[in-house]
């Protein structure tokens, strides 16, 4: 079925999605083009801030049917207005929480399988392992080789901050060691 001519056929919900899609697209372009946090912030202010402001202005003009899904969506965003613009102020901030959502998905899917976490010590041990896995992933480190290395070194609470820093997945020497192990197949 062909769409009617003009833009009158575009529903308010579709208009909102178009704003968000435009922001996601610009964020991809900016992240591909700039690497420094200051440059990302500057580009966001130039390119994305006007769209965010347009979206918020458009949002203020919406008056959806009370209780409808659109009403819930508009209310949700209006209640988080100040948080929506926070990412513009720091190039290190992410536009969306998709990375966080994807990182916790395995835990929410698998929580029924983790019956051994029924004690505080079990839960703490699991939290430590999950944290190490996610930190390794976030720093581009091979998880298997990183955890194997940590089990060899057995970090503990008696180690100094400097010793622990040497084992952190963001430590360049650590990254080189794990990369070497991965390439050697150890």
Protein backbone atom coordinates (compact mmCIF):
# COMPACT_ATOMS: atom_id res chain seq x y z
CA UNK A 1 0.00 0.00 0.00
CA UNK A 2 1.59 3.31 -1.00
CA UNK A 3 1.99 6.05 1.57
CA UNK A 4 -0.05 9.23 1.15
CA UNK A 5 1.74 12.17 -0.36
CA UNK A 6 3.36 14.71 1.92
CA UNK A 7 4.44 14.22 5.53
CA UNK A 8 0.96 14.16 7.08
CA UNK A 9 1.05 10.37 7.26
CA UNK A 10 3.99 10.41 9.70
CA UNK A 11 2.62 9.63 13.16
CA UNK A 12 4.01 11.34 16.27
CA UNK A 13 5.63 8.09 17.40
CA UNK A 14 7.40 7.79 14.04
CA UNK A 15 8.51 11.42 14.29
CA UNK A 16 10.09 10.67 17.67
CA UNK A 17 11.84 7.60 16.28
CA UNK A 18 13.19 9.69 13.41
CA UNK A 19 14.82 12.11 15.87
CA UNK A 20 16.42 9.24 17.80
CA UNK A 21 17.56 7.48 14.61
CA UNK A 22 19.20 10.70 13.47
CA UNK A 23 21.05 10.97 16.79
CA UNK A 24 22.25 7.36 16.60
CA UNK A 25 23.46 7.96 13.04
CA UNK A 26 25.33 11.14 13.99
CA UNK A 27 26.86 9.40 17.00
CA UNK A 28 28.21 6.65 14.70
CA UNK A 29 29.64 9.25 12.32
CA UNK A 30 31.25 11.22 15.14
CA UNK A 31 32.76 8.14 16.82
CA UNK A 32 34.17 6.96 13.49
CA UNK A 33 35.72 10.35 12.77
CA UNK A 34 37.05 11.50 16.15
CA UNK A 35 39.03 9.71 18.82
CA UNK A 36 39.74 12.39 21.40
CA UNK A 37 37.06 13.03 23.99
CA UNK A 38 37.30 16.79 23.49
CA UNK A 39 36.75 16.44 19.73
CA UNK A 40 33.76 14.15 20.34
CA UNK A 41 32.26 16.68 22.76
CA UNK A 42 32.79 19.54 20.30
CA UNK A 43 31.25 17.57 17.41
CA UNK A 44 28.28 16.58 19.56
CA UNK A 45 27.65 20.22 20.42
CA UNK A 46 27.83 21.23 16.77
CA UNK A 47 25.87 18.35 15.24
CA UNK A 48 23.76 16.61 17.89
CA UNK A 49 22.81 19.37 20.32
CA UNK A 50 20.48 21.12 17.82
CA UNK A 51 18.73 17.81 17.14
CA UNK A 52 18.37 17.07 20.86
CA UNK A 53 16.94 20.56 21.37
CA UNK A 54 14.57 20.06 18.42
CA UNK A 55 13.49 16.72 19.82
CA UNK A 56 12.82 18.22 23.26
CA UNK A 57 10.89 21.09 21.69
CA UNK A 58 8.86 18.61 19.62
CA UNK A 59 8.30 16.57 22.79
CA UNK A 60 6.93 19.62 24.64
CA UNK A 61 4.30 20.01 21.90
CA UNK A 62 3.05 16.44 22.23
CA UNK A 63 -0.23 15.76 23.99
CA UNK A 64 -0.89 12.04 23.55
CA UNK A 65 -4.00 10.25 24.81
CA UNK A 66 -3.63 9.70 28.54
CA UNK A 67 -2.54 6.17 29.38
CA UNK A 68 -1.60 5.32 25.79
CA UNK A 69 1.82 3.90 24.97
CA UNK A 70 2.82 7.21 23.43
CA UNK A 71 1.80 8.97 26.66
CA UNK A 72 4.00 6.62 28.67
CA UNK A 73 6.93 7.18 26.30
CA UNK A 74 6.56 10.97 26.36
CA UNK A 75 6.24 11.02 30.17
CA UNK A 76 9.29 8.76 30.51
CA UNK A 77 11.45 11.08 28.42
CA UNK A 78 10.10 14.27 30.01
CA UNK A 79 10.99 12.88 33.45
CA UNK A 80 14.55 12.25 32.28
CA UNK A 81 15.10 15.47 30.34
CA UNK A 82 18.21 16.51 32.26
CA UNK A 83 19.80 13.08 31.86
CA UNK A 84 19.18 13.07 28.12
CA UNK A 85 21.53 16.00 27.57
CA UNK A 86 24.29 14.85 29.96
CA UNK A 87 26.13 12.86 27.29
CA UNK A 88 26.67 16.08 25.30
CA UNK A 89 28.89 17.48 28.06
CA UNK A 90 31.49 14.71 28.14
CA UNK A 91 33.01 12.92 25.15
CA UNK A 92 33.62 9.88 27.34
CA UNK A 93 29.90 9.38 27.96
CA UNK A 94 27.97 7.02 25.77
CA UNK A 95 24.89 8.16 23.87
CA UNK A 96 23.02 5.02 24.89
CA UNK A 97 23.28 2.34 27.51
CA UNK A 98 23.37 -0.43 24.90
CA UNK A 99 26.88 -1.53 25.91
CA UNK A 100 25.82 -1.81 29.55
CA UNK A 101 22.64 -3.64 28.61
CA UNK A 102 24.58 -6.09 26.45
CA UNK A 103 27.17 -6.61 29.18
CA UNK A 104 24.59 -7.60 31.81
CA UNK A 105 22.41 -9.70 29.50
CA UNK A 106 24.34 -12.94 30.13
CA UNK A 107 23.82 -12.50 33.85
CA UNK A 108 20.10 -11.91 33.62
CA UNK A 109 19.66 -14.82 31.21
CA UNK A 110 21.79 -17.20 33.26
CA UNK A 111 20.85 -16.27 36.81
CA UNK A 112 18.68 -19.38 37.26
CA UNK A 113 21.75 -21.49 36.57
CA UNK A 114 23.83 -19.86 39.27
CA UNK A 115 22.43 -21.66 42.27
CA UNK A 116 25.87 -21.73 43.88
CA UNK A 117 25.51 -18.00 44.50
CA UNK A 118 23.15 -18.65 47.40
CA UNK A 119 25.69 -17.47 49.98
CA UNK A 120 27.26 -14.05 50.40
CA UNK A 121 30.73 -15.51 49.73
CA UNK A 122 29.51 -17.25 46.56
CA UNK A 123 27.86 -14.06 45.36
CA UNK A 124 30.99 -12.02 46.07
CA UNK A 125 33.20 -14.53 44.26
CA UNK A 126 30.87 -14.49 41.26
CA UNK A 127 30.77 -10.69 41.23
CA UNK A 128 34.57 -10.55 41.20
CA UNK A 129 34.83 -13.02 38.32
CA UNK A 130 32.11 -11.26 36.30
CA UNK A 131 33.81 -7.92 36.90
CA UNK A 132 37.15 -9.27 35.71
CA UNK A 133 35.55 -10.77 32.59
CA UNK A 134 33.76 -7.55 31.68
CA UNK A 135 36.84 -5.41 32.38
CA UNK A 136 38.90 -7.68 30.12
CA UNK A 137 36.28 -7.40 27.36
CA UNK A 138 36.06 -3.62 27.75
CA UNK A 139 39.84 -3.33 27.37
CA UNK A 140 40.07 -5.67 24.38
CA UNK A 141 41.91 -8.38 26.31
CA UNK A 142 41.44 -12.11 25.60
CA UNK A 143 39.28 -13.22 28.53
CA UNK A 144 40.51 -16.81 28.72
CA UNK A 145 44.20 -15.89 28.73
CA UNK A 146 43.59 -13.02 31.14
CA UNK A 147 41.79 -15.20 33.69
CA UNK A 148 44.44 -17.90 33.30
CA UNK A 149 47.15 -15.32 33.97
CA UNK A 150 45.31 -14.03 37.05
CA UNK A 151 44.95 -17.57 38.40
CA UNK A 152 48.71 -18.02 38.01
CA UNK A 153 49.46 -14.75 39.83
CA UNK A 154 46.74 -15.17 42.50
CA UNK A 155 46.09 -11.49 43.29
CA UNK A 156 44.97 -10.90 46.87
CA UNK A 157 44.15 -8.17 49.35
CA UNK A 158 47.72 -8.15 50.72
CA UNK A 159 49.08 -6.81 47.42
CA UNK A 160 49.84 -3.12 47.09
CA UNK A 161 47.88 -0.91 44.73
CA UNK A 162 50.94 -0.78 42.49
CA UNK A 163 51.12 -4.60 42.30
CA UNK A 164 47.42 -4.83 41.53
CA UNK A 165 47.71 -2.12 38.88
CA UNK A 166 50.23 -4.33 37.04
CA UNK A 167 47.52 -7.02 36.79
CA UNK A 168 44.76 -4.69 35.58
CA UNK A 169 43.47 -5.37 32.05
CA UNK A 170 44.08 -1.74 31.01
CA UNK A 171 47.78 -1.99 31.91
CA UNK A 172 49.74 -1.90 28.64
CA UNK A 173 52.30 -4.48 29.85
CA UNK A 174 49.46 -6.78 30.84
CA UNK A 175 47.82 -6.33 27.43
CA UNK A 176 51.10 -7.18 25.69
CA UNK A 177 51.54 -10.31 27.82
CA UNK A 178 48.01 -11.54 27.15
CA UNK A 179 48.39 -10.81 23.43
CA UNK A 180 51.65 -12.79 23.41
CA UNK A 181 49.99 -15.71 25.19
CA UNK A 182 47.05 -15.68 22.79
CA UNK A 183 49.34 -15.67 19.74
CA UNK A 184 51.50 -18.47 21.22
CA UNK A 185 48.39 -20.53 21.89
CA UNK A 186 49.30 -20.97 25.59
